[in-house]
Amino acid sequence: MNLIEARGLTVRHGAETVLAAVDFTIRAGEIVTVVGPNGSGKSTLIRALIGLERAAEGKVTRRVGLGIGYVPQRLHIDAALPMTVARFLSLPRRVPAEAAARALEHTGVPGLEDRQMSALSGGQLQRVLLARALLSRPEILILDEPTQGLDQPGIAGFYRLLEEVRQETGVAVLMVSHDLHVVMSASDRVICLNGHVCCEGAPQVVSAAPEYRALFGFGTGGALALYRHDHDHAHDPGAGHHHHHHDHVHHPSPEAENA
């Protein structure tokens, strides 16, 4: 069953067309990752899918009553504003202490309730954000660049956690990722976006597609191997050697896409 579907979705900011004629679906229980260079409209697509961005043409259909757990791209925690993890988990609706404790345990950061939000490491913060998103028992989790600022083991660990959460709860996961260490093997489908859908399909298919290579070079070969290597403990001496090539890829527009 389709949870969210977009048909011919076009979004404009003023005179600029940010997304053109995008078709998109995500089904129950699926993990879908959207990749693309800066300025390719990834955040705009997410915002349109959850109803924060208006379609100039085409339409977005969400299943009636769809429960969405949204994990934003970055959360700026003001260190001057004291807020414990427990209090944060109770925004906007109060959450029973045992439910909060369960959610934190579930996402691999048990016992952080009394810690200040501003004192968390990047990886802990992502896991607390995920715990909060899961508290509403969503049918779909939507994460905008959740691994930003994490190191490679942190990234692989976070993706594995998402896979575990999906296995346990059956939640669908829609994720935007731009770091080319994007751990594509965690996805059922990958959609490559550059203002329009360049290619989509299983990770192996997309990473071999000429459109993907044109955008990213061969940047993910090493990361795919690294993830699988980590995952299966397979010995692959070549894993992780190729992921610096993307430094030389020409990105058409350096400006941030969330402006």
Protein backbone atom coordinates (compact mmCIF):
# COMPACT_ATOMS: atom_id res chain seq x y z
CA MET A 1 0.00 0.00 0.00
CA ASN A 2 1.29 3.46 -0.87
CA LEU A 3 1.76 5.68 2.17
CA ILE A 4 2.75 8.76 0.16
CA GLU A 5 2.56 9.29 -3.57
CA ALA A 6 3.57 12.24 -5.74
CA ARG A 7 2.59 12.54 -9.39
CA GLY A 8 4.15 15.14 -11.66
CA LEU A 9 5.20 17.18 -8.63
CA THR A 10 6.63 20.55 -9.62
CA VAL A 11 7.69 23.11 -7.01
CA ARG A 12 8.77 26.66 -7.77
CA HIS A 13 10.42 29.24 -5.55
CA GLY A 14 9.59 32.48 -7.31
CA ALA A 15 10.69 32.12 -10.92
CA GLU A 16 12.99 29.21 -10.17
CA THR A 17 11.76 25.65 -10.69
CA VAL A 18 13.24 23.65 -7.82
CA LEU A 19 11.58 20.33 -8.65
CA ALA A 20 10.21 19.36 -12.04
CA ALA A 21 7.64 16.63 -12.70
CA VAL A 22 8.73 14.28 -9.91
CA ASP A 23 6.93 10.96 -9.54
CA PHE A 24 7.47 9.34 -6.17
CA THR A 25 5.93 6.60 -4.07
CA ILE A 26 6.80 4.96 -0.80
CA ARG A 27 5.05 1.82 0.37
CA ALA A 28 4.49 0.46 3.87
CA GLY A 29 7.68 -0.91 5.41
CA GLU A 30 10.03 0.29 2.65
CA ILE A 31 13.37 2.06 3.20
CA VAL A 32 13.90 4.66 0.47
CA THR A 33 16.90 6.98 0.30
CA VAL A 34 16.98 10.16 -1.78
CA VAL A 35 20.44 11.25 -2.90
CA GLY A 36 21.59 14.19 -4.97
CA PRO A 37 24.07 17.07 -5.01
CA ASN A 38 23.54 20.31 -3.05
CA GLY A 39 20.75 22.38 -4.50
CA SER A 40 19.10 19.34 -6.11
CA GLY A 41 15.83 19.88 -4.25
CA LYS A 42 16.06 17.02 -1.75
CA SER A 43 14.80 18.98 1.25
CA THR A 44 12.14 20.62 -0.93
CA LEU A 45 10.89 17.18 -1.95
CA ILE A 46 10.64 16.07 1.69
CA ARG A 47 8.83 19.28 2.64
CA ALA A 48 6.38 18.86 -0.25
CA LEU A 49 5.72 15.24 0.71
CA ILE A 50 4.81 16.18 4.28
CA GLY A 51 2.77 19.21 3.19
CA LEU A 52 5.12 22.07 4.16
CA GLU A 53 5.72 23.10 0.55
CA ARG A 54 3.05 23.85 -2.06
CA ALA A 55 2.97 22.09 -5.44
CA ALA A 56 2.90 24.46 -8.43
CA GLU A 57 1.83 21.51 -10.56
CA GLY A 58 1.04 17.86 -9.94
CA LYS A 59 -0.10 16.54 -6.60
CA VAL A 60 0.93 14.74 -3.45
CA THR A 61 -1.38 12.16 -1.88
CA ARG A 62 -0.84 10.97 1.66
CA ARG A 63 -2.80 8.05 3.04
CA VAL A 64 -5.60 9.38 5.23
CA GLY A 65 -4.52 9.52 8.88
CA LEU A 66 -0.91 8.66 8.04
CA GLY A 67 1.31 8.87 11.14
CA ILE A 68 4.59 10.60 10.24
CA GLY A 69 7.67 10.75 12.48
CA TYR A 70 9.87 13.58 11.21
CA VAL A 71 13.53 13.97 12.13
CA PRO A 72 14.70 17.41 10.98
CA GLN A 73 18.04 18.08 9.35
CA ARG A 74 19.62 19.89 12.26
CA LEU A 75 18.42 20.98 15.59
CA HIS A 76 20.18 23.94 17.13
CA ILE A 77 20.11 23.50 20.86
CA ASP A 78 20.76 26.70 22.73
CA ALA A 79 23.23 25.83 25.49
CA ALA A 80 21.84 28.75 27.52
CA LEU A 81 18.41 27.11 27.51
CA PRO A 82 18.45 24.22 29.94
CA MET A 83 16.45 21.28 28.66
CA THR A 84 16.80 17.67 29.68
CA VAL A 85 16.35 14.80 27.24
CA ALA A 86 13.22 13.71 29.17
CA ARG A 87 11.68 17.18 28.76
CA PHE A 88 12.56 17.26 25.05
CA LEU A 89 10.89 13.88 24.51
CA SER A 90 7.75 15.33 26.12
CA LEU A 91 7.40 18.10 23.52
CA PRO A 92 4.72 18.79 22.40
CA ARG A 93 2.80 16.02 24.23
CA ARG A 94 3.73 14.70 27.64
CA VAL A 95 5.25 11.23 27.45
CA PRO A 96 5.10 8.80 30.39
CA ALA A 97 8.57 8.22 31.88
CA GLU A 98 8.53 4.51 31.08
CA ALA A 99 7.66 5.17 27.41
CA ALA A 100 10.54 7.67 27.19
CA ALA A 101 12.92 5.18 28.80
CA ARG A 102 11.80 2.47 26.36
CA ALA A 103 12.28 4.72 23.34
CA LEU A 104 15.81 5.67 24.41
CA GLU A 105 16.67 2.04 25.01
CA HIS A 106 15.25 1.16 21.62
CA THR A 107 17.50 3.68 19.86
CA GLY A 108 20.62 2.64 21.75
CA VAL A 109 20.97 5.54 24.21
CA PRO A 110 19.44 4.21 27.44
CA GLY A 111 19.55 6.26 30.62
CA LEU A 112 20.06 9.71 29.07
CA GLU A 113 16.82 11.17 30.49
CA ASP A 114 18.47 13.64 32.86
CA ARG A 115 21.26 14.69 30.49
CA GLN A 116 21.10 18.22 29.07
CA MET A 117 20.26 18.28 25.35
CA SER A 118 23.13 20.71 24.75
CA ALA A 119 25.61 18.24 26.28
CA LEU A 120 24.87 15.37 23.87
CA SER A 121 27.32 14.24 21.21
CA GLY A 122 26.18 14.34 17.58
CA GLY A 123 25.46 10.62 17.52
CA GLN A 124 23.53 10.75 20.81
CA LEU A 125 21.48 13.71 19.58
CA GLN A 126 20.48 11.86 16.39
CA ARG A 127 19.39 8.87 18.43
CA VAL A 128 17.37 11.07 20.82
CA LEU A 129 15.70 12.76 17.82
CA LEU A 130 14.89 9.32 16.43
CA ALA A 131 13.52 8.20 19.82
CA ARG A 132 11.24 11.24 19.87
CA ALA A 133 10.03 10.55 16.33
CA LEU A 134 9.26 6.92 17.26
CA LEU A 135 7.25 7.85 20.36
CA SER A 136 4.22 8.71 18.25
CA ARG A 137 4.31 5.19 16.73
CA PRO A 138 4.52 6.49 13.16
CA GLU A 139 3.94 4.38 10.05
CA ILE A 140 6.68 6.32 8.28
CA LEU A 141 9.87 7.94 9.54
CA ILE A 142 11.17 10.83 7.46
CA LEU A 143 14.78 11.82 8.10
CA ASP A 144 16.52 14.76 6.45
CA GLU A 145 20.27 14.08 6.35
CA PRO A 146 20.30 12.32 9.72
CA THR A 147 23.98 11.38 9.58
CA GLN A 148 25.36 14.87 9.02
CA GLY A 149 28.41 15.45 11.17
CA LEU A 150 28.81 11.81 12.21
CA ASP A 151 31.95 9.86 11.41
CA GLN A 152 31.94 6.75 9.24
CA PRO A 153 31.36 4.21 12.09
CA GLY A 154 28.66 6.53 13.50
CA ILE A 155 26.96 6.66 10.09
CA ALA A 156 27.05 2.88 9.62
CA GLY A 157 25.76 2.39 13.18
CA PHE A 158 22.87 4.79 12.63
CA TYR A 159 21.80 3.05 9.41
CA ARG A 160 21.95 -0.34 11.09
CA LEU A 161 19.79 1.04 13.89
CA LEU A 162 17.20 2.18 11.32
CA GLU A 163 17.16 -1.29 9.78
CA GLU A 164 16.61 -2.81 13.24
CA VAL A 165 13.80 -0.37 14.01
CA ARG A 166 12.17 -1.24 10.69
CA GLN A 167 12.44 -4.97 11.40
CA GLU A 168 10.94 -4.56 14.86
CA THR A 169 8.16 -2.09 14.07
CA GLY A 170 7.56 -2.42 10.32
CA VAL A 171 7.90 1.37 9.98
CA ALA A 172 8.67 2.74 6.50
CA VAL A 173 11.75 4.98 6.29
CA LEU A 174 12.29 7.84 3.86
CA MET A 175 15.71 9.36 4.14
CA VAL A 176 17.60 12.17 2.45
CA SER A 177 21.33 11.78 2.35
CA HIS A 178 23.98 13.78 0.59
CA ASP A 179 27.13 12.55 2.17
CA LEU A 180 28.50 10.26 -0.47
CA HIS A 181 29.36 7.78 2.16
CA VAL A 182 25.61 7.35 1.90
CA VAL A 183 25.12 3.86 3.12
CA MET A 184 23.00 2.80 0.22
CA SER A 185 22.95 -0.88 1.07
CA ALA A 186 20.59 -0.04 3.93
CA SER A 187 17.96 0.99 1.36
CA ASP A 188 15.45 -1.00 -0.64
CA ARG A 189 15.33 1.76 -3.22
CA VAL A 190 17.46 4.78 -3.99
CA ILE A 191 16.17 7.84 -5.83
CA CYS A 192 18.75 10.06 -7.43
CA LEU A 193 17.50 13.64 -7.64
CA ASN A 194 18.85 16.67 -9.45
CA GLY A 195 15.81 18.93 -9.79
CA HIS A 196 14.11 15.91 -11.38
CA VAL A 197 14.43 12.16 -10.88
CA CYS A 198 17.63 11.14 -12.70
CA CYS A 199 17.40 7.47 -11.86
CA GLU A 200 15.87 5.23 -9.25
CA GLY A 201 15.97 1.59 -8.30
CA ALA A 202 17.81 -0.90 -6.13
CA PRO A 203 21.10 0.48 -4.74
CA GLN A 204 23.26 -1.74 -6.96
CA VAL A 205 21.35 -0.60 -10.06
CA VAL A 206 21.51 3.10 -9.21
CA SER A 207 25.18 3.14 -8.26
CA ALA A 208 25.97 1.62 -11.66
CA ALA A 209 23.69 4.02 -13.60
CA PRO A 210 25.46 6.50 -15.89
CA GLU A 211 23.28 9.38 -14.57
CA TYR A 212 24.40 8.60 -11.03
CA ARG A 213 28.04 8.37 -12.08
CA ALA A 214 27.72 11.66 -13.93
CA LEU A 215 26.59 13.36 -10.71
CA PHE A 216 28.77 11.56 -8.20
CA GLY A 217 31.65 9.89 -9.99
CA PHE A 218 32.41 6.57 -8.37
CA GLY A 219 32.18 7.99 -4.87
CA THR A 220 30.05 5.34 -3.21
CA GLY A 221 31.78 2.17 -4.35
CA GLY A 222 34.04 2.23 -1.34
CA ALA A 223 31.32 3.19 1.11
CA LEU A 224 29.01 0.42 -0.08
CA ALA A 225 31.81 -2.06 0.44
CA LEU A 226 32.67 -0.50 3.79
CA TYR A 227 29.09 -0.81 4.99
CA ARG A 228 28.75 -4.40 3.86
CA HIS A 229 32.20 -5.18 5.24
CA ASP A 230 31.09 -3.83 8.59
CA HIS A 231 27.78 -5.61 8.29
CA ASP A 232 28.85 -9.08 7.19
CA HIS A 233 32.43 -9.05 8.47
CA ALA A 234 33.38 -10.06 4.95
CA HIS A 235 37.03 -9.44 4.25
CA ASP A 236 37.29 -6.90 1.47
CA PRO A 237 40.70 -5.23 1.41
CA GLY A 238 39.45 -2.74 -1.21
CA ALA A 239 36.67 -1.42 0.99
CA GLY A 240 36.74 2.26 1.64
CA HIS A 241 39.54 3.22 -0.71
CA HIS A 242 37.53 4.99 -3.34
CA HIS A 243 35.36 7.31 -1.39
CA HIS A 244 37.52 10.40 -1.81
CA HIS A 245 36.90 10.77 -5.53
CA HIS A 246 33.77 12.78 -5.04
CA ASP A 247 35.83 15.72 -3.80
CA HIS A 248 36.44 16.60 -7.43
CA VAL A 249 32.87 16.34 -8.64
CA HIS A 250 31.51 19.61 -9.94
CA HIS A 251 28.31 20.50 -8.11
CA PRO A 252 26.21 22.84 -10.22
CA SER A 253 25.07 25.09 -7.39
CA PRO A 254 26.91 25.60 -4.13
CA GLU A 255 24.03 27.44 -2.42
CA ALA A 256 22.22 25.59 0.33
CA GLU A 257 18.89 24.17 -0.69
CA ASN A 258 17.02 25.04 2.45
CA ALA A 259 17.17 28.77 2.01
